[in-house]
N, C-alpha and C. Protein backbone atom coordinates (compact mmCIF):
# COMPACT_ATOMS: atom_id res chain seq x y z
N MET A 1 0.86 -1.25 -0.03
CA MET A 1 -0.04 0.04 -0.02
C MET A 1 0.88 1.28 0.01
N ALA A 2 0.59 2.20 -0.84
CA ALA A 2 1.33 3.41 -1.00
C ALA A 2 1.28 4.11 0.34
N ASP A 3 2.40 4.90 0.65
CA ASP A 3 2.38 5.73 1.78
C ASP A 3 1.23 6.80 1.72
N LEU A 4 0.69 7.12 2.84
CA LEU A 4 -0.40 8.13 2.82
C LEU A 4 0.32 9.51 2.63
N PRO A 5 -0.39 10.50 2.01
CA PRO A 5 0.30 11.80 1.84
C PRO A 5 0.50 12.47 3.17
N LEU A 6 1.30 13.63 3.18
CA LEU A 6 1.55 14.38 4.37
C LEU A 6 0.18 15.03 4.76
N PRO A 7 0.12 15.50 6.02
CA PRO A 7 -1.05 16.28 6.42
C PRO A 7 -1.28 17.48 5.55
N ILE A 8 -2.53 18.02 5.53
CA ILE A 8 -2.92 18.96 4.64
C ILE A 8 -1.98 20.18 4.80
N GLY A 9 -1.81 20.89 3.65
CA GLY A 9 -0.97 22.06 3.59
C GLY A 9 -1.82 23.37 3.69
N ALA A 10 -1.41 24.45 3.05
CA ALA A 10 -2.08 25.69 3.16
C ALA A 10 -1.85 26.55 1.93
N ALA A 11 -2.86 27.36 1.61
CA ALA A 11 -2.77 28.32 0.56
C ALA A 11 -2.77 29.73 1.25
N LEU A 12 -1.55 30.45 1.08
CA LEU A 12 -1.45 31.58 1.90
C LEU A 12 -0.84 32.75 1.07
N ASN A 13 -1.03 33.97 1.50
CA ASN A 13 -0.24 35.00 1.00
C ASN A 13 1.08 35.18 1.70
N VAL A 14 2.09 35.79 1.11
CA VAL A 14 3.41 35.90 1.69
C VAL A 14 3.33 36.72 3.08
N ALA A 15 2.32 37.61 3.24
CA ALA A 15 2.14 38.31 4.46
C ALA A 15 1.74 37.38 5.47
N ASP A 16 1.20 36.19 5.29
CA ASP A 16 0.79 35.24 6.18
C ASP A 16 1.84 34.30 6.71
N LEU A 17 3.03 34.21 5.95
CA LEU A 17 4.01 33.28 6.19
C LEU A 17 4.63 33.25 7.61
N PRO A 18 4.96 34.52 8.12
CA PRO A 18 5.53 34.57 9.45
C PRO A 18 4.63 33.85 10.53
N THR A 19 3.34 33.89 10.41
CA THR A 19 2.49 33.36 11.41
C THR A 19 2.55 31.79 11.32
N TYR A 20 2.58 31.30 10.11
CA TYR A 20 2.53 29.79 9.83
C TYR A 20 3.84 29.11 9.57
N ARG A 21 4.84 29.84 9.46
CA ARG A 21 6.23 29.43 9.00
C ARG A 21 6.64 28.10 9.79
N GLU A 22 6.63 28.18 11.08
CA GLU A 22 7.09 26.91 11.83
C GLU A 22 6.18 25.81 11.59
N TRP A 23 4.78 26.09 11.61
CA TRP A 23 3.94 24.92 11.32
C TRP A 23 4.18 24.24 9.94
N LEU A 24 4.47 25.04 8.97
CA LEU A 24 4.75 24.62 7.56
C LEU A 24 5.92 23.75 7.57
N ILE A 25 7.09 24.33 8.13
CA ILE A 25 8.35 23.65 8.15
C ILE A 25 8.30 22.47 9.04
N GLU A 26 7.70 22.37 10.15
CA GLU A 26 7.69 21.25 11.03
C GLU A 26 7.20 20.08 10.29
N GLY A 27 6.10 20.27 9.55
CA GLY A 27 5.56 19.10 8.74
C GLY A 27 5.92 19.04 7.39
N GLN A 28 6.79 19.99 6.85
CA GLN A 28 7.20 20.15 5.48
C GLN A 28 5.85 19.95 4.67
N ARG A 29 4.81 20.73 4.98
CA ARG A 29 3.50 20.64 4.29
C ARG A 29 3.60 21.31 3.00
N ASP A 30 2.64 20.94 2.20
CA ASP A 30 2.43 21.65 0.91
C ASP A 30 2.00 23.08 1.05
N LEU A 31 2.62 24.00 0.32
CA LEU A 31 2.34 25.42 0.43
C LEU A 31 1.92 25.95 -0.99
N GLU A 32 0.92 26.66 -1.01
CA GLU A 32 0.51 27.35 -2.26
C GLU A 32 0.59 28.89 -1.92
N VAL A 33 1.43 29.56 -2.67
CA VAL A 33 1.51 31.02 -2.45
C VAL A 33 0.63 31.69 -3.35
N GLN A 34 -0.28 32.61 -2.89
CA GLN A 34 -1.45 33.15 -3.76
C GLN A 34 -1.19 34.54 -4.16
N ASP A 35 -0.11 35.21 -3.83
CA ASP A 35 0.07 36.61 -4.12
C ASP A 35 0.11 36.87 -5.68
N PHE A 36 0.52 35.88 -6.49
CA PHE A 36 0.78 36.06 -7.91
C PHE A 36 -0.48 36.03 -8.81
N THR A 37 -1.62 36.09 -8.11
CA THR A 37 -2.94 36.20 -8.87
C THR A 37 -3.09 37.72 -9.21
N ALA A 38 -2.59 38.49 -8.49
CA ALA A 38 -2.86 39.95 -8.62
C ALA A 38 -2.11 40.69 -9.78
N ALA A 39 -2.84 41.29 -10.63
CA ALA A 39 -2.29 41.98 -11.77
C ALA A 39 -1.29 43.08 -11.36
N GLU A 40 -1.68 43.75 -10.32
CA GLU A 40 -0.89 45.01 -9.93
C GLU A 40 0.49 44.52 -9.37
N LEU A 41 0.53 43.27 -8.84
CA LEU A 41 1.83 42.73 -8.47
C LEU A 41 2.67 42.25 -9.66
N LEU A 42 2.03 41.46 -10.56
CA LEU A 42 2.76 40.87 -11.69
C LEU A 42 3.23 42.03 -12.64
N LEU A 43 2.50 43.18 -12.71
CA LEU A 43 2.84 44.29 -13.53
C LEU A 43 3.83 45.24 -12.81
N GLY A 44 4.24 44.90 -11.57
CA GLY A 44 5.09 45.77 -10.80
C GLY A 44 6.34 44.86 -10.27
N ASP A 45 6.70 45.19 -9.09
CA ASP A 45 7.92 44.60 -8.55
C ASP A 45 7.64 43.22 -7.89
N TRP A 46 7.35 42.29 -8.64
CA TRP A 46 7.00 40.90 -8.14
C TRP A 46 8.20 40.19 -7.64
N GLN A 47 9.47 40.59 -8.18
CA GLN A 47 10.65 39.91 -7.75
C GLN A 47 10.93 40.16 -6.27
N SER A 48 10.68 41.33 -5.82
CA SER A 48 10.83 41.66 -4.33
C SER A 48 10.01 40.76 -3.49
N ARG A 49 8.67 40.45 -3.96
CA ARG A 49 7.85 39.54 -3.23
C ARG A 49 8.39 38.23 -3.22
N VAL A 50 8.96 37.74 -4.38
CA VAL A 50 9.56 36.39 -4.41
C VAL A 50 10.78 36.34 -3.44
N ASP A 51 11.51 37.31 -3.37
CA ASP A 51 12.75 37.42 -2.48
C ASP A 51 12.32 37.26 -1.00
N HIS A 52 11.28 38.08 -0.66
CA HIS A 52 10.70 38.14 0.61
C HIS A 52 10.23 36.67 1.07
N ALA A 53 9.50 36.06 0.12
CA ALA A 53 8.98 34.78 0.39
C ALA A 53 10.08 33.75 0.62
N LYS A 54 11.01 33.80 -0.23
CA LYS A 54 12.18 32.90 -0.17
C LYS A 54 12.90 33.02 1.14
N ALA A 55 13.11 34.24 1.70
CA ALA A 55 13.72 34.50 2.97
C ALA A 55 12.95 33.90 4.05
N LEU A 56 11.54 34.05 3.96
CA LEU A 56 10.81 33.54 5.09
C LEU A 56 10.62 32.00 5.07
N LEU A 57 10.92 31.39 3.89
CA LEU A 57 10.73 29.96 3.74
C LEU A 57 12.09 29.30 3.87
N ASP A 58 13.04 29.98 4.43
CA ASP A 58 14.39 29.23 4.52
C ASP A 58 14.12 28.14 5.47
N GLY A 59 14.51 26.85 5.10
CA GLY A 59 14.42 25.64 5.83
C GLY A 59 13.11 24.90 5.41
N PHE A 60 12.32 25.41 4.49
CA PHE A 60 11.11 24.71 4.01
C PHE A 60 11.44 23.91 2.84
N ASP A 61 11.09 22.64 2.96
CA ASP A 61 11.42 21.68 1.86
C ASP A 61 10.12 21.00 1.37
N GLY A 62 8.92 21.54 1.70
CA GLY A 62 7.72 20.89 1.24
C GLY A 62 7.46 21.25 -0.17
N ARG A 63 6.34 20.66 -0.70
CA ARG A 63 5.95 20.92 -2.07
C ARG A 63 5.36 22.41 -2.13
N LEU A 64 5.89 23.10 -3.07
CA LEU A 64 5.60 24.54 -3.23
C LEU A 64 5.06 24.82 -4.55
N ASP A 65 3.94 25.52 -4.51
CA ASP A 65 3.29 26.02 -5.84
C ASP A 65 2.75 27.36 -5.61
N ILE A 66 2.32 27.96 -6.69
CA ILE A 66 1.68 29.29 -6.72
C ILE A 66 0.40 29.20 -7.43
N HIS A 67 -0.49 30.05 -7.04
CA HIS A 67 -1.71 30.19 -7.79
C HIS A 67 -1.50 31.16 -8.88
N GLY A 68 -1.61 30.78 -10.07
CA GLY A 68 -1.30 31.69 -11.20
C GLY A 68 -2.35 32.72 -11.46
N PRO A 69 -2.16 33.72 -12.26
CA PRO A 69 -3.03 34.70 -12.54
C PRO A 69 -4.33 34.28 -13.19
N PHE A 70 -5.50 34.84 -12.97
CA PHE A 70 -6.79 34.49 -13.52
C PHE A 70 -7.75 35.53 -13.71
N PHE A 71 -7.70 36.60 -12.85
CA PHE A 71 -8.73 37.64 -12.89
C PHE A 71 -8.65 38.31 -14.43
N ASP A 72 -9.86 38.22 -15.00
CA ASP A 72 -10.16 38.95 -16.29
C ASP A 72 -9.09 38.30 -17.40
N LEU A 73 -8.71 36.96 -17.26
CA LEU A 73 -7.79 36.37 -18.24
C LEU A 73 -8.38 35.08 -18.70
N PRO A 74 -9.40 35.06 -19.49
CA PRO A 74 -9.97 33.77 -19.99
C PRO A 74 -9.02 32.99 -20.87
N LEU A 75 -8.79 31.76 -20.51
CA LEU A 75 -7.77 31.06 -21.25
C LEU A 75 -8.34 30.66 -22.65
N ASP A 76 -9.65 30.90 -22.94
CA ASP A 76 -10.21 30.63 -24.30
C ASP A 76 -10.51 31.94 -24.94
N ALA A 77 -9.84 33.01 -24.61
CA ALA A 77 -10.10 34.34 -25.26
C ALA A 77 -10.02 34.21 -26.74
N ARG A 78 -11.04 34.73 -27.38
CA ARG A 78 -11.13 34.65 -28.83
C ARG A 78 -10.73 35.90 -29.49
N ASP A 79 -10.72 37.09 -28.77
CA ASP A 79 -10.28 38.36 -29.26
C ASP A 79 -8.81 38.27 -29.63
N PRO A 80 -8.45 38.59 -30.89
CA PRO A 80 -7.06 38.51 -31.36
C PRO A 80 -6.02 39.50 -30.62
N GLU A 81 -6.63 40.48 -29.99
CA GLU A 81 -5.73 41.38 -29.16
C GLU A 81 -5.67 40.92 -27.69
N ILE A 82 -6.66 40.28 -27.22
CA ILE A 82 -6.71 39.82 -25.81
C ILE A 82 -5.83 38.52 -25.60
N ALA A 83 -6.02 37.62 -26.58
CA ALA A 83 -5.40 36.37 -26.50
C ALA A 83 -3.91 36.44 -26.18
N PRO A 84 -3.13 37.20 -26.92
CA PRO A 84 -1.67 37.36 -26.53
C PRO A 84 -1.48 37.93 -25.17
N LEU A 85 -2.30 38.78 -24.73
CA LEU A 85 -2.07 39.40 -23.34
C LEU A 85 -2.27 38.17 -22.34
N VAL A 86 -3.22 37.40 -22.61
CA VAL A 86 -3.41 36.23 -21.64
C VAL A 86 -2.10 35.32 -21.66
N THR A 87 -1.63 35.07 -22.84
CA THR A 87 -0.37 34.24 -22.86
C THR A 87 0.66 34.93 -22.17
N ASN A 88 0.92 36.18 -22.41
CA ASN A 88 1.98 36.94 -21.63
C ASN A 88 1.83 36.93 -20.21
N ARG A 89 0.64 37.06 -19.65
CA ARG A 89 0.41 37.18 -18.27
C ARG A 89 0.62 35.73 -17.63
N MET A 90 0.29 34.68 -18.35
CA MET A 90 0.48 33.30 -17.86
C MET A 90 2.09 33.11 -17.82
N ASN A 91 2.68 33.54 -18.90
CA ASN A 91 4.15 33.45 -18.84
C ASN A 91 4.80 34.21 -17.69
N LEU A 92 4.31 35.30 -17.32
CA LEU A 92 4.80 36.14 -16.22
C LEU A 92 4.49 35.40 -14.96
N GLY A 93 3.38 34.79 -14.74
CA GLY A 93 3.10 34.03 -13.65
C GLY A 93 4.07 32.84 -13.48
N LEU A 94 4.32 32.18 -14.59
CA LEU A 94 5.27 31.08 -14.57
C LEU A 94 6.68 31.47 -14.24
N GLU A 95 7.02 32.72 -14.70
CA GLU A 95 8.34 33.15 -14.32
C GLU A 95 8.48 33.40 -12.82
N ALA A 96 7.49 33.94 -12.23
CA ALA A 96 7.42 34.16 -10.88
C ALA A 96 7.56 32.74 -10.13
N ALA A 97 6.92 31.78 -10.59
CA ALA A 97 6.95 30.39 -10.14
C ALA A 97 8.35 29.88 -10.08
N LEU A 98 8.92 30.09 -11.26
CA LEU A 98 10.34 29.56 -11.44
C LEU A 98 11.26 30.27 -10.50
N ARG A 99 11.17 31.56 -10.37
CA ARG A 99 12.10 32.30 -9.41
C ARG A 99 11.82 31.90 -8.00
N LEU A 100 10.60 31.65 -7.60
CA LEU A 100 10.26 31.19 -6.28
C LEU A 100 10.82 29.80 -5.94
N GLY A 101 10.90 29.03 -7.08
CA GLY A 101 11.30 27.58 -6.84
C GLY A 101 10.03 26.70 -6.75
N ALA A 102 8.90 27.08 -7.23
CA ALA A 102 7.70 26.33 -7.21
C ALA A 102 7.60 25.34 -8.20
N THR A 103 7.01 24.15 -8.04
CA THR A 103 6.92 23.09 -9.00
C THR A 103 5.63 22.93 -9.65
N GLN A 104 4.66 23.78 -9.11
CA GLN A 104 3.35 23.78 -9.69
C GLN A 104 2.79 25.11 -9.87
N MET A 105 1.94 25.34 -10.82
CA MET A 105 1.12 26.61 -10.92
C MET A 105 -0.26 26.33 -11.20
N VAL A 106 -1.20 26.71 -10.38
CA VAL A 106 -2.63 26.48 -10.60
C VAL A 106 -3.16 27.52 -11.60
N ILE A 107 -3.96 27.01 -12.57
CA ILE A 107 -4.62 27.86 -13.58
C ILE A 107 -6.08 27.42 -13.55
N HIS A 108 -6.91 28.30 -14.06
CA HIS A 108 -8.31 28.05 -14.02
C HIS A 108 -8.93 27.43 -15.26
N SER A 109 -9.84 26.61 -15.06
CA SER A 109 -10.55 25.97 -16.18
C SER A 109 -11.33 27.05 -16.90
N PRO A 110 -11.40 27.03 -18.21
CA PRO A 110 -12.16 27.97 -19.02
C PRO A 110 -13.65 27.62 -19.23
N PHE A 111 -14.14 26.46 -18.67
CA PHE A 111 -15.44 26.01 -18.98
C PHE A 111 -16.43 26.63 -18.04
N SER A 112 -17.38 27.35 -18.52
CA SER A 112 -18.41 28.08 -17.78
C SER A 112 -19.80 27.39 -17.72
N THR A 113 -20.58 27.68 -16.72
CA THR A 113 -21.89 27.12 -16.73
C THR A 113 -22.71 27.48 -17.93
N TRP A 114 -22.54 28.66 -18.43
CA TRP A 114 -23.33 29.12 -19.69
C TRP A 114 -22.79 28.19 -20.90
N THR A 115 -21.52 28.04 -20.98
CA THR A 115 -20.99 27.29 -22.08
C THR A 115 -21.64 25.80 -22.07
N TRP A 116 -21.57 25.16 -20.88
CA TRP A 116 -22.11 23.87 -20.92
C TRP A 116 -23.54 23.81 -21.30
N TYR A 117 -24.40 24.72 -20.81
CA TYR A 117 -25.69 24.57 -21.10
C TYR A 117 -26.15 25.09 -22.56
N ASN A 118 -25.13 25.71 -23.23
CA ASN A 118 -25.39 26.22 -24.49
C ASN A 118 -24.39 25.56 -25.55
N ALA A 119 -23.80 24.46 -25.23
CA ALA A 119 -22.76 23.85 -25.97
C ALA A 119 -23.22 23.61 -27.40
N GLY A 120 -24.42 23.13 -27.63
CA GLY A 120 -24.86 22.82 -29.00
C GLY A 120 -25.13 24.03 -29.93
N HIS A 121 -25.17 25.13 -29.34
CA HIS A 121 -25.38 26.42 -30.14
C HIS A 121 -24.12 27.18 -30.51
N MET A 122 -22.99 26.65 -29.92
CA MET A 122 -21.72 27.49 -30.26
C MET A 122 -20.99 26.65 -31.27
N ARG A 123 -21.16 27.00 -32.45
CA ARG A 123 -20.40 26.26 -33.66
C ARG A 123 -19.65 27.33 -34.44
N LYS A 124 -18.60 26.85 -34.95
CA LYS A 124 -17.69 27.70 -35.85
C LYS A 124 -18.46 27.84 -37.14
N PRO A 125 -18.65 29.01 -37.63
CA PRO A 125 -19.44 29.18 -38.90
C PRO A 125 -18.92 28.45 -40.00
N GLY A 126 -19.77 27.52 -40.67
CA GLY A 126 -19.36 26.80 -41.81
C GLY A 126 -18.53 25.55 -41.50
N LEU A 127 -18.05 25.35 -40.34
CA LEU A 127 -17.19 24.28 -40.07
C LEU A 127 -17.75 23.28 -38.95
N GLY A 128 -18.86 23.75 -38.24
CA GLY A 128 -19.31 22.91 -37.14
C GLY A 128 -18.35 22.88 -35.98
N GLY A 129 -18.49 21.89 -35.14
CA GLY A 129 -17.71 21.95 -33.83
C GLY A 129 -18.41 22.36 -32.68
N PHE A 130 -18.46 21.52 -31.67
CA PHE A 130 -19.21 21.98 -30.46
C PHE A 130 -18.35 22.87 -29.54
N ALA A 131 -19.02 23.44 -28.54
CA ALA A 131 -18.27 24.50 -27.74
C ALA A 131 -17.08 23.97 -27.14
N LYS A 132 -17.13 22.70 -26.63
CA LYS A 132 -15.97 22.14 -25.83
C LYS A 132 -14.80 22.17 -26.89
N ASP A 133 -14.98 21.70 -28.13
CA ASP A 133 -13.87 21.60 -28.98
C ASP A 133 -13.28 22.89 -29.39
N LEU A 134 -14.18 23.86 -29.60
CA LEU A 134 -13.67 25.32 -29.90
C LEU A 134 -12.90 25.94 -28.81
N ILE A 135 -13.37 25.68 -27.55
CA ILE A 135 -12.68 26.15 -26.32
C ILE A 135 -11.33 25.51 -26.25
N ILE A 136 -11.27 24.20 -26.43
CA ILE A 136 -9.99 23.47 -26.26
C ILE A 136 -8.99 24.00 -27.40
N GLU A 137 -9.48 24.24 -28.62
CA GLU A 137 -8.68 24.76 -29.60
C GLU A 137 -8.02 26.10 -29.25
N ARG A 138 -8.89 27.02 -28.67
CA ARG A 138 -8.38 28.30 -28.37
C ARG A 138 -7.43 28.23 -27.10
N VAL A 139 -7.64 27.45 -26.20
CA VAL A 139 -6.75 27.22 -25.03
C VAL A 139 -5.39 26.73 -25.48
N ASN A 140 -5.46 25.81 -26.48
CA ASN A 140 -4.18 25.28 -26.97
C ASN A 140 -3.40 26.37 -27.54
N GLU A 141 -3.99 27.31 -28.31
CA GLU A 141 -3.33 28.40 -28.92
C GLU A 141 -2.63 29.30 -27.96
N ILE A 142 -3.39 29.59 -26.94
CA ILE A 142 -3.01 30.50 -25.87
C ILE A 142 -1.85 29.95 -24.98
N LEU A 143 -1.95 28.64 -24.64
CA LEU A 143 -1.04 28.10 -23.66
C LEU A 143 0.14 27.26 -24.27
N ARG A 144 0.19 27.19 -25.61
CA ARG A 144 1.14 26.32 -26.24
C ARG A 144 2.59 26.66 -25.74
N ASP A 145 2.92 27.95 -25.81
CA ASP A 145 4.18 28.37 -25.44
C ASP A 145 4.45 28.29 -23.93
N VAL A 146 3.40 28.47 -23.13
CA VAL A 146 3.49 28.44 -21.70
C VAL A 146 3.80 27.00 -21.27
N VAL A 147 3.06 26.10 -21.85
CA VAL A 147 3.23 24.58 -21.58
C VAL A 147 4.63 24.20 -21.90
N ALA A 148 5.17 24.53 -23.12
CA ALA A 148 6.42 24.17 -23.49
C ALA A 148 7.50 24.61 -22.46
N ARG A 149 7.35 25.92 -22.10
CA ARG A 149 8.31 26.45 -21.13
C ARG A 149 8.24 25.77 -19.77
N ALA A 150 6.90 25.58 -19.28
CA ALA A 150 6.82 24.89 -18.08
C ALA A 150 7.49 23.51 -18.05
N GLU A 151 7.24 22.80 -19.11
CA GLU A 151 7.81 21.45 -19.26
C GLU A 151 9.36 21.51 -19.22
N THR A 152 9.94 22.55 -19.96
CA THR A 152 11.38 22.67 -19.97
C THR A 152 11.94 22.86 -18.62
N HIS A 153 11.22 23.68 -17.75
CA HIS A 153 11.78 23.95 -16.43
C HIS A 153 11.10 23.13 -15.23
N GLY A 154 10.49 22.09 -15.62
CA GLY A 154 9.97 21.13 -14.56
C GLY A 154 8.88 21.70 -13.73
N VAL A 155 7.98 22.65 -14.27
CA VAL A 155 6.87 23.04 -13.49
C VAL A 155 5.64 22.39 -14.13
N THR A 156 4.61 22.09 -13.26
CA THR A 156 3.49 21.46 -13.75
C THR A 156 2.35 22.42 -13.62
N LEU A 157 1.64 22.68 -14.75
CA LEU A 157 0.35 23.49 -14.66
C LEU A 157 -0.80 22.58 -14.32
N VAL A 158 -1.52 22.95 -13.28
CA VAL A 158 -2.65 22.15 -12.87
C VAL A 158 -3.93 22.95 -13.07
N ILE A 159 -4.88 22.43 -13.76
CA ILE A 159 -6.09 23.06 -14.15
C ILE A 159 -7.14 22.77 -13.11
N GLU A 160 -7.60 23.89 -12.45
CA GLU A 160 -8.58 23.82 -11.42
C GLU A 160 -9.99 23.93 -11.99
N ASN A 161 -10.87 23.11 -11.46
CA ASN A 161 -12.30 23.30 -11.85
C ASN A 161 -12.88 24.60 -11.13
N ILE A 162 -13.68 25.30 -11.91
CA ILE A 162 -14.17 26.56 -11.35
C ILE A 162 -15.80 26.33 -11.45
N GLU A 163 -16.29 26.51 -12.71
CA GLU A 163 -17.76 26.31 -12.91
C GLU A 163 -18.00 24.99 -13.61
N ASP A 164 -17.09 24.19 -13.74
CA ASP A 164 -17.18 22.90 -14.47
C ASP A 164 -18.35 22.05 -14.07
N ILE A 165 -19.12 21.68 -15.07
CA ILE A 165 -20.27 20.76 -14.81
C ILE A 165 -19.95 19.30 -15.18
N ASP A 166 -19.30 19.16 -16.35
CA ASP A 166 -18.89 17.79 -16.73
C ASP A 166 -17.37 17.73 -16.60
N PRO A 167 -16.87 16.97 -15.57
CA PRO A 167 -15.46 16.92 -15.27
C PRO A 167 -14.58 16.34 -16.42
N SER A 168 -15.21 15.63 -17.32
CA SER A 168 -14.42 15.06 -18.40
C SER A 168 -13.92 16.13 -19.36
N TRP A 169 -14.67 17.25 -19.49
CA TRP A 169 -14.26 18.34 -20.39
C TRP A 169 -12.88 18.88 -19.98
N ARG A 170 -12.60 19.02 -18.72
CA ARG A 170 -11.35 19.48 -18.21
C ARG A 170 -10.28 18.44 -18.43
N ARG A 171 -10.60 17.20 -18.35
CA ARG A 171 -9.62 16.09 -18.47
C ARG A 171 -9.27 16.09 -19.97
N ASP A 172 -10.23 16.20 -20.88
CA ASP A 172 -9.96 16.38 -22.31
C ASP A 172 -8.99 17.38 -22.67
N LEU A 173 -9.29 18.54 -22.00
CA LEU A 173 -8.50 19.69 -22.23
C LEU A 173 -7.02 19.44 -21.80
N ALA A 174 -6.83 18.86 -20.75
CA ALA A 174 -5.51 18.66 -20.17
C ALA A 174 -4.76 17.59 -21.23
N ASP A 175 -5.54 16.49 -21.60
CA ASP A 175 -4.97 15.49 -22.54
C ASP A 175 -4.60 16.24 -23.84
N SER A 176 -5.38 17.17 -24.28
CA SER A 176 -5.23 17.84 -25.64
C SER A 176 -3.94 18.62 -25.69
N LEU A 177 -3.43 19.09 -24.52
CA LEU A 177 -2.20 19.83 -24.45
C LEU A 177 -0.89 18.92 -24.66
N GLY A 178 -1.10 17.68 -24.51
CA GLY A 178 -0.13 16.76 -24.90
C GLY A 178 1.17 16.80 -24.14
N SER A 179 1.12 17.09 -22.82
CA SER A 179 2.34 17.32 -21.98
C SER A 179 2.15 16.74 -20.55
N ASP A 180 3.27 16.04 -20.17
CA ASP A 180 3.27 15.64 -18.72
C ASP A 180 3.28 16.97 -17.73
N ALA A 181 3.45 18.03 -18.32
CA ALA A 181 3.53 19.28 -17.53
C ALA A 181 2.20 19.84 -17.28
N VAL A 182 1.13 19.16 -17.74
CA VAL A 182 -0.26 19.62 -17.59
C VAL A 182 -1.00 18.51 -16.90
N ARG A 183 -1.62 18.85 -15.67
CA ARG A 183 -2.36 17.84 -14.98
C ARG A 183 -3.59 18.56 -14.38
N LEU A 184 -4.29 17.94 -13.48
CA LEU A 184 -5.55 18.50 -12.89
C LEU A 184 -5.50 18.76 -11.47
N SER A 185 -6.20 19.88 -11.03
CA SER A 185 -6.48 20.26 -9.75
C SER A 185 -7.93 20.12 -9.45
N ILE A 186 -8.45 19.66 -8.35
CA ILE A 186 -9.79 19.66 -8.01
C ILE A 186 -9.95 20.65 -6.75
N ASP A 187 -10.84 21.54 -6.84
CA ASP A 187 -11.33 22.31 -5.70
C ASP A 187 -12.62 21.76 -5.37
N THR A 188 -12.59 21.07 -4.17
CA THR A 188 -13.82 20.33 -3.69
C THR A 188 -14.96 21.29 -3.43
N GLY A 189 -14.70 22.51 -3.01
CA GLY A 189 -15.65 23.52 -2.79
C GLY A 189 -16.35 23.96 -4.14
N HIS A 190 -15.59 24.11 -5.05
CA HIS A 190 -16.12 24.46 -6.37
C HIS A 190 -17.06 23.41 -6.91
N ALA A 191 -16.58 22.11 -6.81
CA ALA A 191 -17.25 20.98 -7.23
C ALA A 191 -18.55 20.80 -6.50
N HIS A 192 -18.61 21.04 -5.26
CA HIS A 192 -19.75 20.99 -4.50
C HIS A 192 -20.76 22.02 -4.76
N TYR A 193 -20.27 23.23 -5.10
CA TYR A 193 -21.10 24.31 -5.51
C TYR A 193 -21.80 23.92 -6.80
N ALA A 194 -20.98 23.43 -7.77
CA ALA A 194 -21.59 23.15 -9.09
C ALA A 194 -22.56 22.00 -9.04
N HIS A 195 -22.30 21.08 -8.05
CA HIS A 195 -23.31 19.96 -7.84
C HIS A 195 -24.54 20.46 -7.33
N GLY A 196 -24.50 21.43 -6.26
CA GLY A 196 -25.69 21.84 -5.70
C GLY A 196 -26.40 22.93 -6.50
N ALA A 197 -25.82 23.62 -7.32
CA ALA A 197 -26.41 24.84 -7.97
C ALA A 197 -26.58 24.67 -9.44
N THR A 198 -25.73 23.83 -10.14
CA THR A 198 -25.83 23.87 -11.55
C THR A 198 -25.97 22.44 -12.23
N GLY A 199 -26.17 21.44 -11.31
CA GLY A 199 -26.43 20.09 -11.87
C GLY A 199 -25.22 19.33 -12.17
N ALA A 200 -24.04 19.69 -11.69
CA ALA A 200 -22.87 18.88 -11.85
C ALA A 200 -22.95 17.61 -10.93
N PRO A 201 -22.18 16.63 -11.22
CA PRO A 201 -22.18 15.41 -10.44
C PRO A 201 -21.58 15.63 -9.06
N PRO A 202 -21.61 14.83 -8.07
CA PRO A 202 -20.99 15.02 -6.76
C PRO A 202 -19.46 15.06 -6.89
N VAL A 203 -18.85 15.53 -5.86
CA VAL A 203 -17.42 15.70 -5.80
C VAL A 203 -16.60 14.43 -6.12
N ASP A 204 -17.08 13.22 -5.74
CA ASP A 204 -16.27 12.05 -5.89
C ASP A 204 -16.17 11.66 -7.40
N TYR A 205 -17.19 12.12 -8.16
CA TYR A 205 -17.15 11.92 -9.68
C TYR A 205 -15.96 12.76 -10.21
N PHE A 206 -15.75 13.88 -9.73
CA PHE A 206 -14.63 14.78 -10.18
C PHE A 206 -13.35 14.08 -9.93
N VAL A 207 -13.24 13.41 -8.77
CA VAL A 207 -11.95 12.73 -8.36
C VAL A 207 -11.75 11.56 -9.16
N ASN A 208 -12.83 10.68 -9.31
CA ASN A 208 -12.79 9.49 -10.23
C ASN A 208 -12.38 9.81 -11.60
N ASP A 209 -13.04 10.90 -12.14
CA ASP A 209 -12.82 11.21 -13.57
C ASP A 209 -11.32 11.72 -13.72
N ALA A 210 -10.82 12.42 -12.79
CA ALA A 210 -9.44 12.94 -12.89
C ALA A 210 -8.39 11.74 -12.91
N GLY A 211 -8.63 10.69 -12.28
CA GLY A 211 -7.76 9.54 -12.27
C GLY A 211 -6.31 10.02 -11.97
N ALA A 212 -5.44 9.43 -12.82
CA ALA A 212 -4.07 9.64 -12.73
C ALA A 212 -3.62 10.95 -12.96
N LEU A 213 -4.37 11.84 -13.55
CA LEU A 213 -4.15 13.22 -13.86
C LEU A 213 -4.24 14.16 -12.68
N LEU A 214 -4.84 13.57 -11.60
CA LEU A 214 -4.96 14.48 -10.41
C LEU A 214 -3.67 14.65 -9.75
N ALA A 215 -3.25 15.94 -9.57
CA ALA A 215 -2.01 16.33 -8.99
C ALA A 215 -2.03 17.29 -7.87
N HIS A 216 -3.24 17.78 -7.52
CA HIS A 216 -3.37 18.97 -6.66
C HIS A 216 -4.76 18.98 -6.19
N VAL A 217 -4.95 19.35 -4.96
CA VAL A 217 -6.36 19.43 -4.38
C VAL A 217 -6.40 20.73 -3.58
N HIS A 218 -7.58 21.44 -3.89
CA HIS A 218 -8.03 22.59 -2.82
C HIS A 218 -9.11 21.97 -2.01
N LEU A 219 -8.92 21.82 -0.75
CA LEU A 219 -9.85 21.20 0.11
C LEU A 219 -10.64 22.21 0.77
């Protein structure tokens, strides 16, 4: 029987690290740094935040990841001016992860409630194609370079469920990117919300569907 995982870790801002530093180091728990979701930080002096975090984490050898940027950054952006901006911001988040020494970066699923319920109406003019396929195509265009860079530097991008109703869509997206540097994250609260409010299956279905691609959990 495989060894059980370490006790639960924490998702914290750098400002919280002094409070929880000894607890994190004592158990070498997983840590997710959440500062780098903020546009104002990534567009400013994010290196100082990295340096401060590294100083506070001296002696920490647990698994380290960051939550990547997501506010107003749809991974399936279709606007030809917006899509490169999303790619650039994801690359900036990845750079912060690399400088910090993180091995994972959480990114958000592009699948919305509206998309799922209107999937049959979203077709490419003259070519067909359901919503899921079109979204996967756009995400591949936006993340292609980011995935290649993550793979080169040993960072895994984990795709977190947000409004997802069918967990297989997110798994298909991860598979489509064709890289061991892309796996899945499950937020159990998001899955429970989707089950109660939008008709998604229960949380355990998300876990079972993810299978071997599951690499990260928000509990």
